[in-house]
Amino acid sequence: MKQKEKTVKKILPYGLWDFSGLQNWLNAQAKDGYAFQKSLNLSFFDIACFRKDSRAPQSRYCLDPIHESADAYESQQRRKDYEAYGWHFVGSIGKLYAVYRCDDSDAPILYTDPQSLALAMKKQVRRTWFLMLFEIVWLIILFRKELALLPQWSAEFWRKPILQTELMVPFYIILFALAVTFISESIGIFLGMRRMRTLLAKGEWPKEGHRYAVFVRNLICSVLLIASIVFWVYQGISGESRPKGVPDAADWVFPHILLEEVLPEGAVISELYGQKELLRGSTLASSFLAPVQYDTVQGGQILLADGQTAEARLYQQYIQTHGTPVAKTLYQAELTAFRHSLENYRQNWEENTSSLHQNQPNAYAFLEEETFTAPAFDALTRFTYQFSEEETKNTVYIGLREDCVWILKCFEAADGDAALEKIMQRIQAEEP
């Protein structure tokens, strides 16, 4: 029984545009006794398959640009013409080159002058240009919404990497590695082939490029990709990045206020079965760049002094970062993110005006933004607004103090001015 020939796989050490490098490498492999069979593309790497052949040291290899526009008859005729000179088709490298082998040392090579090879590569260069353009346009279409936000909302980009460093940084590394591999491959092929064809048209045979340069680049991208995926999966499974519940205000280890302190005079929180009806869902999270992240919520139905009922909600976020520069970046990111949320609400409202809001064409009865100085903060911005369908105003404060960012949201019956005054008193009380 005939034993199956063993296939030897080797990584192509040159870029696909490097005609001279690839052809010389195939001939070097032949001298070592390896006969070329085919090539494979394994995402980040191009692989050449060989088999041991005792006649390989006496053979030579030549590459011929593939003409994809040629029909089957022309391709077969081309191979017959080459066979008449002793060159036999044995495979291809990607969709760029057909590989021919010749065992006759006296047979002339396929291309005896640079100009003829340059002419043969004309359509190939044009095809690689269209392929590169298609991939760039495809990526732009794929991320068109994100790209459209960059000019106005670019500062918001840093928010998630700071608040969710362990999840978002690996995610961005994965996207970067994929984009670099996807785009740089087509751009590199086009630029390399155009440069090579320019030299050929001048009558110069191009020198082979840097050995394993493409391999090293792709190896770095693949290592980053694999490491990021493993770390990302670990973070998701381990739960280390998930927020922890801290429903009791006694567990909030940062200067804070309670909803009862910012209610209208004489108002109390409604009770059910002897318990205050308060919203639950306060959390404590952590990340490398922001190790302490409190996100607290208090709210519910209240009884006013005149016996009427109302709603009141108080949200507090306290974020301690690794250093003042990170805090300043997060402060700007939070401002931009909140402005963006207000703008999204307005756009959504206007898009549905004709069907849902015919009597209220404006999303906000009023909307104001003010930056001012306050004793307890290095920077402080206040947003005051009222939805056109509601009767009470909402107040949101976003502040910066050293390496910390504070966000205070007072909705409906919660008094924003009283909340700011009390939170500044608590912060100043804890100063050394």
Protein backbone atom coordinates (compact mmCIF):
# COMPACT_ATOMS: atom_id res chain seq x y z
CA MET A 1 0.00 0.00 0.00
CA LYS A 2 1.37 3.36 -1.07
CA GLN A 3 2.11 5.66 1.84
CA LYS A 4 0.48 9.07 1.71
CA GLU A 5 2.93 11.90 1.08
CA LYS A 6 3.49 14.16 4.05
CA THR A 7 2.66 17.83 3.53
CA VAL A 8 5.06 20.38 4.95
CA LYS A 9 3.55 23.78 5.72
CA LYS A 10 5.62 26.96 5.89
CA ILE A 11 4.64 30.58 6.49
CA LEU A 12 5.23 32.84 3.51
CA PRO A 13 8.08 35.11 4.63
CA TYR A 14 7.24 37.91 2.20
CA GLY A 15 4.19 40.05 1.48
CA LEU A 16 1.96 38.95 -1.39
CA TRP A 17 3.05 42.00 -3.37
CA ASP A 18 6.73 40.97 -3.22
CA PHE A 19 7.07 39.19 -6.56
CA SER A 20 10.87 38.81 -6.38
CA GLY A 21 10.91 37.73 -2.75
CA LEU A 22 8.27 35.02 -3.21
CA GLN A 23 9.80 33.67 -6.41
CA ASN A 24 13.31 33.51 -4.95
CA TRP A 25 11.96 31.86 -1.80
CA LEU A 26 10.17 29.14 -3.80
CA ASN A 27 13.40 28.40 -5.64
CA ALA A 28 15.33 28.28 -2.37
CA GLN A 29 12.81 25.75 -1.04
CA ALA A 30 13.24 23.70 -4.20
CA LYS A 31 17.00 23.52 -3.64
CA ASP A 32 16.24 22.13 -0.19
CA GLY A 33 14.12 19.38 -1.75
CA TYR A 34 10.62 20.85 -1.29
CA ALA A 35 8.13 20.94 -4.17
CA PHE A 36 5.36 23.55 -4.01
CA GLN A 37 1.76 22.31 -3.94
CA LYS A 38 -0.60 25.13 -2.94
CA SER A 39 -1.07 28.12 -0.61
CA LEU A 40 -3.54 28.68 2.21
CA ASN A 41 -4.78 31.81 3.95
CA LEU A 42 -5.20 31.36 7.70
CA SER A 43 -6.56 34.75 8.72
CA PHE A 44 -3.37 36.43 9.88
CA PHE A 45 -0.91 34.29 7.93
CA ASP A 46 -0.41 32.97 4.41
CA ILE A 47 0.84 29.38 4.34
CA ALA A 48 2.64 27.52 1.54
CA CYS A 49 2.27 23.74 1.34
CA PHE A 50 5.19 21.60 0.10
CA ARG A 51 6.04 17.95 -0.31
CA LYS A 52 9.41 16.27 -0.33
CA ASP A 53 10.61 15.65 -3.88
CA SER A 54 13.99 14.22 -4.90
CA ARG A 55 13.77 16.07 -8.23
CA ALA A 56 13.00 19.43 -6.64
CA PRO A 57 16.66 20.59 -6.42
CA GLN A 58 16.90 20.43 -10.22
CA SER A 59 13.66 22.39 -10.76
CA ARG A 60 12.87 26.09 -10.97
CA TYR A 61 9.76 28.12 -10.17
CA CYS A 62 8.32 31.20 -11.84
CA LEU A 63 5.32 33.32 -10.88
CA ASP A 64 2.80 34.60 -13.38
CA PRO A 65 0.23 37.32 -12.50
CA ILE A 66 -3.25 35.81 -12.52
CA HIS A 67 -5.67 37.39 -14.99
CA GLU A 68 -9.06 36.94 -13.32
CA SER A 69 -10.79 38.61 -16.25
CA ALA A 70 -9.54 35.87 -18.57
CA ASP A 71 -12.03 33.13 -19.39
CA ALA A 72 -11.35 29.41 -18.95
CA TYR A 73 -10.25 28.98 -22.58
CA GLU A 74 -7.64 31.76 -22.32
CA SER A 75 -6.32 30.32 -19.02
CA GLN A 76 -6.00 26.85 -20.53
CA GLN A 77 -4.34 28.26 -23.63
CA ARG A 78 -1.86 30.19 -21.50
CA ARG A 79 -0.92 27.00 -19.63
CA LYS A 80 -0.49 25.11 -22.92
CA ASP A 81 1.76 27.85 -24.24
CA TYR A 82 3.91 27.68 -21.11
CA GLU A 83 4.02 23.87 -21.25
CA ALA A 84 5.49 24.13 -24.74
CA TYR A 85 8.48 25.85 -23.11
CA GLY A 86 8.71 23.30 -20.31
CA TRP A 87 6.75 25.20 -17.60
CA HIS A 88 3.91 23.34 -15.87
CA PHE A 89 1.22 24.85 -13.69
CA VAL A 90 1.42 23.48 -10.11
CA GLY A 91 -0.74 25.85 -8.05
CA SER A 92 -1.31 29.44 -7.06
CA ILE A 93 -0.45 31.91 -4.31
CA GLY A 94 -3.59 33.66 -3.21
CA LYS A 95 -5.47 35.20 -6.10
CA LEU A 96 -2.42 37.04 -7.34
CA TYR A 97 0.03 34.57 -8.84
CA ALA A 98 -0.05 31.30 -10.72
CA VAL A 99 2.98 29.13 -9.87
CA TYR A 100 4.79 27.30 -12.69
CA ARG A 101 7.52 24.70 -12.33
CA CYS A 102 10.17 23.72 -14.86
CA ASP A 103 12.56 20.75 -14.58
CA ASP A 104 14.56 21.75 -17.68
CA SER A 105 17.54 23.89 -16.69
CA ASP A 106 17.89 25.17 -20.27
CA ALA A 107 14.30 26.43 -20.63
CA PRO A 108 13.93 30.24 -20.68
CA ILE A 109 12.11 31.92 -17.80
CA LEU A 110 8.53 33.16 -18.31
CA TYR A 111 9.46 36.83 -18.31
CA THR A 112 12.80 37.74 -19.81
CA ASP A 113 12.46 41.52 -19.50
CA PRO A 114 10.91 43.76 -16.81
CA GLN A 115 8.62 45.66 -19.21
CA SER A 116 6.72 42.52 -20.24
CA LEU A 117 6.09 41.64 -16.59
CA ALA A 118 4.98 45.24 -15.89
CA LEU A 119 2.45 44.97 -18.73
CA ALA A 120 1.18 41.66 -17.37
CA MET A 121 0.64 43.23 -13.95
CA LYS A 122 -1.32 46.28 -15.19
CA LYS A 123 -4.79 44.79 -14.65
CA GLN A 124 -3.68 43.18 -11.42
CA VAL A 125 -2.65 46.52 -9.91
CA ARG A 126 -5.95 48.02 -10.98
CA ARG A 127 -7.86 45.12 -9.40
CA THR A 128 -6.02 45.45 -6.10
CA TRP A 129 -6.84 49.18 -6.09
CA PHE A 130 -10.57 48.44 -6.47
CA LEU A 131 -10.35 45.79 -3.76
CA MET A 132 -8.64 48.23 -1.36
CA LEU A 133 -11.21 50.93 -2.13
CA PHE A 134 -14.08 48.49 -1.61
CA GLU A 135 -12.78 47.41 1.81
CA ILE A 136 -12.27 51.00 2.99
CA VAL A 137 -15.76 52.03 1.83
CA TRP A 138 -17.23 48.90 3.44
CA LEU A 139 -15.63 49.77 6.79
CA ILE A 140 -16.87 53.36 6.55
CA ILE A 141 -20.42 52.14 5.86
CA LEU A 142 -20.19 49.61 8.69
CA PHE A 143 -19.14 52.25 11.25
CA ARG A 144 -20.93 55.22 9.66
CA LYS A 145 -22.96 56.01 12.78
CA GLU A 146 -19.90 55.99 15.04
CA LEU A 147 -17.86 58.07 12.59
CA ALA A 148 -20.65 60.64 12.30
CA LEU A 149 -20.52 61.20 16.06
CA LEU A 150 -16.78 61.83 16.25
CA PRO A 151 -16.71 65.54 15.28
CA GLN A 152 -19.24 66.58 17.94
CA TRP A 153 -19.11 63.85 20.58
CA SER A 154 -15.48 62.64 20.44
CA ALA A 155 -14.84 63.37 24.15
CA GLU A 156 -17.49 60.77 25.04
CA PHE A 157 -15.27 58.02 23.60
CA TRP A 158 -13.10 57.94 26.75
CA ARG A 159 -15.97 57.36 29.15
CA LYS A 160 -16.29 53.59 28.84
CA PRO A 161 -12.53 52.86 28.68
CA ILE A 162 -12.20 54.67 32.02
CA LEU A 163 -15.27 53.19 33.72
CA GLN A 164 -14.90 49.70 32.24
CA THR A 165 -11.17 49.44 31.55
CA GLU A 166 -10.91 45.65 31.83
CA LEU A 167 -13.75 45.09 29.35
CA MET A 168 -13.49 47.96 26.90
CA VAL A 169 -9.71 48.16 26.41
CA PRO A 170 -9.48 44.49 25.26
CA PHE A 171 -12.53 45.10 23.07
CA TYR A 172 -10.87 48.08 21.37
CA ILE A 173 -7.65 46.08 20.98
CA ILE A 174 -9.62 43.32 19.24
CA LEU A 175 -11.23 45.84 16.88
CA PHE A 176 -7.88 47.51 16.23
CA ALA A 177 -6.12 44.21 15.49
CA LEU A 178 -8.87 43.12 13.10
CA ALA A 179 -9.01 46.51 11.37
CA VAL A 180 -5.22 46.71 10.99
CA THR A 181 -5.07 43.22 9.52
CA PHE A 182 -8.10 43.77 7.29
CA ILE A 183 -7.11 47.16 5.90
CA SER A 184 -3.32 47.02 5.96
CA GLU A 185 -3.30 43.81 3.94
CA SER A 186 -5.19 45.29 0.99
CA ILE A 187 -3.43 48.68 1.23
CA GLY A 188 -0.04 46.97 1.47
CA ILE A 189 -0.73 44.75 -1.53
CA PHE A 190 -1.86 47.70 -3.66
CA LEU A 191 1.02 49.99 -2.71
CA GLY A 192 3.59 47.22 -2.98
CA MET A 193 2.40 46.05 -6.39
CA ARG A 194 2.19 49.59 -7.73
CA ARG A 195 5.72 50.30 -6.53
CA MET A 196 6.97 47.04 -8.05
CA ARG A 197 5.23 47.69 -11.39
CA THR A 198 6.73 51.21 -11.52
CA LEU A 199 10.24 49.73 -11.20
CA LEU A 200 9.49 47.08 -13.81
CA ALA A 201 8.20 49.70 -16.24
CA LYS A 202 11.50 51.54 -15.83
CA GLY A 203 13.37 48.38 -16.81
CA GLU A 204 14.50 47.51 -13.26
CA TRP A 205 14.02 44.16 -11.58
CA PRO A 206 12.68 44.89 -8.05
CA LYS A 207 14.70 43.67 -5.10
CA GLU A 208 13.05 41.40 -2.58
CA GLY A 209 11.61 43.14 0.48
CA HIS A 210 12.28 42.62 4.17
CA ARG A 211 11.99 39.00 5.14
CA TYR A 212 9.20 38.24 7.64
CA ALA A 213 8.20 41.93 8.01
CA VAL A 214 4.54 41.10 7.30
CA PHE A 215 4.77 37.99 9.47
CA VAL A 216 6.01 39.99 12.48
CA ARG A 217 3.21 42.56 12.07
CA ASN A 218 0.55 39.87 11.80
CA LEU A 219 2.09 37.92 14.68
CA ILE A 220 1.83 40.97 16.95
CA CYS A 221 -1.79 41.52 15.91
CA SER A 222 -2.69 37.86 16.44
CA VAL A 223 -1.04 37.74 19.88
CA LEU A 224 -2.87 40.91 20.92
CA LEU A 225 -6.12 39.52 19.58
CA ILE A 226 -5.84 36.14 21.34
CA ALA A 227 -4.66 37.65 24.64
CA SER A 228 -7.46 40.22 24.58
CA ILE A 229 -10.12 37.61 23.83
CA VAL A 230 -8.86 35.33 26.64
CA PHE A 231 -8.75 38.22 29.11
CA TRP A 232 -12.15 39.50 27.96
CA VAL A 233 -13.77 36.06 28.39
CA TYR A 234 -12.12 35.67 31.80
CA GLN A 235 -13.49 39.03 32.96
CA GLY A 236 -16.97 38.07 31.80
CA ILE A 237 -16.93 34.63 33.43
CA SER A 238 -15.24 35.63 36.69
CA GLY A 239 -17.64 38.49 37.35
CA GLU A 240 -14.84 40.71 38.65
CA SER A 241 -16.03 43.57 36.44
CA ARG A 242 -19.67 43.32 37.46
CA PRO A 243 -21.06 45.99 39.80
CA LYS A 244 -21.86 44.91 43.36
CA GLY A 245 -25.16 45.85 44.96
CA VAL A 246 -25.04 48.38 47.83
CA PRO A 247 -28.72 49.16 48.54
CA ASP A 248 -28.17 50.46 52.09
CA ALA A 249 -27.02 54.08 52.32
CA ALA A 250 -25.00 53.14 55.40
CA ASP A 251 -22.63 51.28 53.06
CA TRP A 252 -21.97 54.30 50.84
CA VAL A 253 -18.42 55.29 51.77
CA PHE A 254 -18.37 58.72 50.13
CA PRO A 255 -19.92 62.11 50.94
CA HIS A 256 -23.59 61.75 50.02
CA ILE A 257 -27.07 63.01 50.82
CA LEU A 258 -30.40 61.30 51.35
CA LEU A 259 -33.62 61.91 49.48
CA GLU A 260 -35.37 63.05 52.67
CA GLU A 261 -32.96 66.00 52.88
CA VAL A 262 -33.93 67.51 49.54
CA LEU A 263 -37.72 67.16 49.61
CA PRO A 264 -40.05 70.17 49.76
CA GLU A 265 -40.77 71.42 53.26
CA GLY A 266 -43.19 69.16 55.09
CA ALA A 267 -42.99 66.35 52.50
CA VAL A 268 -42.35 62.74 53.53
CA ILE A 269 -41.68 59.53 51.64
CA SER A 270 -44.72 57.26 51.36
CA GLU A 271 -44.65 54.05 53.35
CA LEU A 272 -46.02 50.61 52.56
CA TYR A 273 -46.36 48.09 55.38
CA GLY A 274 -44.19 50.27 57.57
CA GLN A 275 -41.35 50.48 55.02
CA LYS A 276 -40.38 53.48 52.91
CA GLU A 277 -41.07 52.92 49.24
CA LEU A 278 -37.63 53.63 47.80
CA LEU A 279 -36.13 52.62 44.50
CA ARG A 280 -33.41 49.98 44.83
CA GLY A 281 -30.45 49.38 42.55
CA SER A 282 -27.45 51.24 43.94
CA THR A 283 -24.16 49.66 42.91
CA LEU A 284 -20.42 49.80 43.54
CA ALA A 285 -18.15 49.05 40.59
CA SER A 286 -14.41 49.17 39.97
CA SER A 287 -11.97 49.37 37.09
CA PHE A 288 -8.25 49.88 36.69
CA LEU A 289 -8.58 53.59 35.83
CA ALA A 290 -11.53 54.23 38.16
CA PRO A 291 -11.18 51.95 41.19
CA VAL A 292 -14.20 53.39 43.08
CA GLN A 293 -17.51 53.92 41.26
CA TYR A 294 -20.68 54.47 43.28
CA ASP A 295 -23.95 54.73 41.37
CA THR A 296 -26.79 55.30 43.82
CA VAL A 297 -30.49 55.79 43.34
CA GLN A 298 -33.20 56.95 45.73
CA GLY A 299 -36.74 57.70 44.70
CA GLY A 300 -40.38 57.01 45.17
CA GLN A 301 -43.75 58.54 45.86
CA ILE A 302 -43.89 61.31 48.43
CA LEU A 303 -46.69 62.99 50.40
CA LEU A 304 -46.59 66.77 50.24
CA ALA A 305 -47.56 69.02 53.11
CA ASP A 306 -50.96 69.77 51.47
CA GLY A 307 -51.81 66.07 51.21
CA GLN A 308 -51.04 65.79 47.50
CA THR A 309 -48.73 63.07 46.14
CA ALA A 310 -45.73 63.53 43.88
CA GLU A 311 -42.67 61.68 42.63
CA ALA A 312 -39.09 62.43 43.62
CA ARG A 313 -35.83 60.85 42.47
CA LEU A 314 -32.24 61.47 43.48
CA TYR A 315 -29.28 59.91 41.67
CA GLN A 316 -25.71 60.27 42.87
CA GLN A 317 -22.55 59.06 41.17
CA TYR A 318 -19.15 59.25 42.79
CA ILE A 319 -16.16 58.17 40.71
CA GLN A 320 -12.63 58.15 42.08
CA THR A 321 -9.99 57.78 39.38
CA HIS A 322 -6.27 57.08 39.18
CA GLY A 323 -5.08 60.68 39.14
CA THR A 324 -6.35 64.14 38.25
CA PRO A 325 -5.65 63.84 34.47
CA VAL A 326 -7.95 60.82 34.26
CA ALA A 327 -10.60 62.65 36.30
CA LYS A 328 -10.45 65.68 33.99
CA THR A 329 -10.85 63.44 30.95
CA LEU A 330 -13.81 61.64 32.56
CA TYR A 331 -15.38 64.96 33.57
CA GLN A 332 -15.37 66.13 29.94
CA ALA A 333 -16.59 62.71 28.79
CA GLU A 334 -19.53 62.80 31.22
CA LEU A 335 -20.47 66.31 30.11
CA THR A 336 -20.39 65.28 26.47
CA ALA A 337 -22.32 62.07 27.17
CA PHE A 338 -25.10 63.97 28.96
CA ARG A 339 -25.33 66.58 26.22
CA HIS A 340 -25.54 63.73 23.74
CA SER A 341 -28.39 62.08 25.68
CA LEU A 342 -30.34 65.36 25.69
CA GLU A 343 -29.78 65.76 21.95
CA ASN A 344 -30.88 62.18 21.26
CA TYR A 345 -34.08 62.77 23.21
CA ARG A 346 -34.76 65.93 21.22
CA GLN A 347 -34.16 64.21 17.87
CA ASN A 348 -36.34 61.25 18.82
CA TRP A 349 -39.10 63.62 19.93
CA GLU A 350 -39.00 65.62 16.70
CA GLU A 351 -38.99 62.46 14.57
CA ASN A 352 -42.26 61.39 16.19
CA THR A 353 -43.89 64.83 16.38
CA SER A 354 -46.29 64.23 13.49
CA SER A 355 -47.67 61.01 14.99
CA LEU A 356 -47.27 61.35 18.77
CA HIS A 357 -46.60 64.97 19.75
CA GLN A 358 -48.64 67.13 17.38
CA ASN A 359 -49.57 69.61 20.13
CA GLN A 360 -46.04 69.73 21.58
CA PRO A 361 -43.49 70.11 18.78
CA ASN A 362 -40.65 70.97 21.20
CA ALA A 363 -39.06 68.29 23.36
CA TYR A 364 -38.14 70.71 26.15
CA ALA A 365 -40.09 73.54 27.72
CA PHE A 366 -36.67 74.97 28.53
CA LEU A 367 -33.07 73.74 28.60
CA GLU A 368 -30.13 75.58 30.16
CA GLU A 369 -26.48 74.74 30.72
CA GLU A 370 -24.28 76.77 33.05
CA THR A 371 -20.68 76.38 34.19
CA PHE A 372 -19.85 78.14 37.45
CA THR A 373 -17.50 78.05 40.42
CA ALA A 374 -18.35 76.39 43.72
CA PRO A 375 -16.27 76.10 46.93
CA ALA A 376 -16.09 72.31 46.97
CA PHE A 377 -15.36 71.73 43.26
CA ASP A 378 -12.56 72.50 40.81
CA ALA A 379 -15.15 72.63 38.00
CA LEU A 380 -18.93 72.38 38.05
CA THR A 381 -21.59 72.38 35.31
CA ARG A 382 -25.35 72.54 35.87
CA PHE A 383 -28.05 71.41 33.44
CA THR A 384 -31.57 72.63 34.14
CA TYR A 385 -34.37 71.44 31.89
CA GLN A 386 -38.02 70.53 31.79
CA PHE A 387 -39.67 68.11 29.40
CA SER A 388 -42.53 69.73 27.52
CA GLU A 389 -44.93 67.00 28.67
CA GLU A 390 -44.06 67.43 32.37
CA GLU A 391 -44.70 70.17 34.94
CA THR A 392 -41.53 69.95 37.05
CA LYS A 393 -37.95 70.82 36.21
CA ASN A 394 -34.93 68.53 36.49
CA THR A 395 -31.48 69.57 37.65
CA VAL A 396 -28.23 67.74 36.91
CA TYR A 397 -24.82 68.69 38.32
CA ILE A 398 -21.56 67.28 36.99
CA GLY A 399 -18.55 68.27 39.05
CA LEU A 400 -14.80 67.72 39.25
CA ARG A 401 -12.77 67.69 42.44
CA GLU A 402 -9.11 66.62 42.31
CA ASP A 403 -9.19 62.95 41.19
CA CYS A 404 -12.96 62.53 41.62
CA VAL A 405 -16.00 63.16 39.44
CA TRP A 406 -19.43 63.75 40.98
CA ILE A 407 -22.79 63.51 39.23
CA LEU A 408 -25.93 64.64 41.05
CA LYS A 409 -29.34 64.29 39.39
CA CYS A 410 -32.45 65.72 41.02
CA PHE A 411 -35.69 64.84 39.24
CA GLU A 412 -39.26 65.99 39.78
CA ALA A 413 -39.87 67.04 43.43
CA ALA A 414 -36.22 66.69 44.53
CA ASP A 415 -34.76 70.16 45.14
CA GLY A 416 -31.58 70.60 43.08
CA ASP A 417 -30.36 73.74 44.85
CA ALA A 418 -30.74 72.17 48.28
CA ALA A 419 -28.99 69.00 47.06
CA LEU A 420 -25.96 70.96 45.82
CA GLU A 421 -25.71 72.97 49.01
CA LYS A 422 -25.81 69.88 51.23
CA ILE A 423 -23.37 67.84 49.13
CA MET A 424 -20.85 70.70 49.24
CA GLN A 425 -21.21 70.84 53.02
CA ARG A 426 -20.52 67.08 53.27
CA ILE A 427 -17.47 67.32 51.03
CA GLN A 428 -16.01 70.26 52.93
CA ALA A 429 -16.72 68.54 56.25
CA GLU A 430 -14.46 65.64 55.24
CA GLU A 431 -11.56 67.88 54.26
CA PRO A 432 -8.51 67.33 56.49
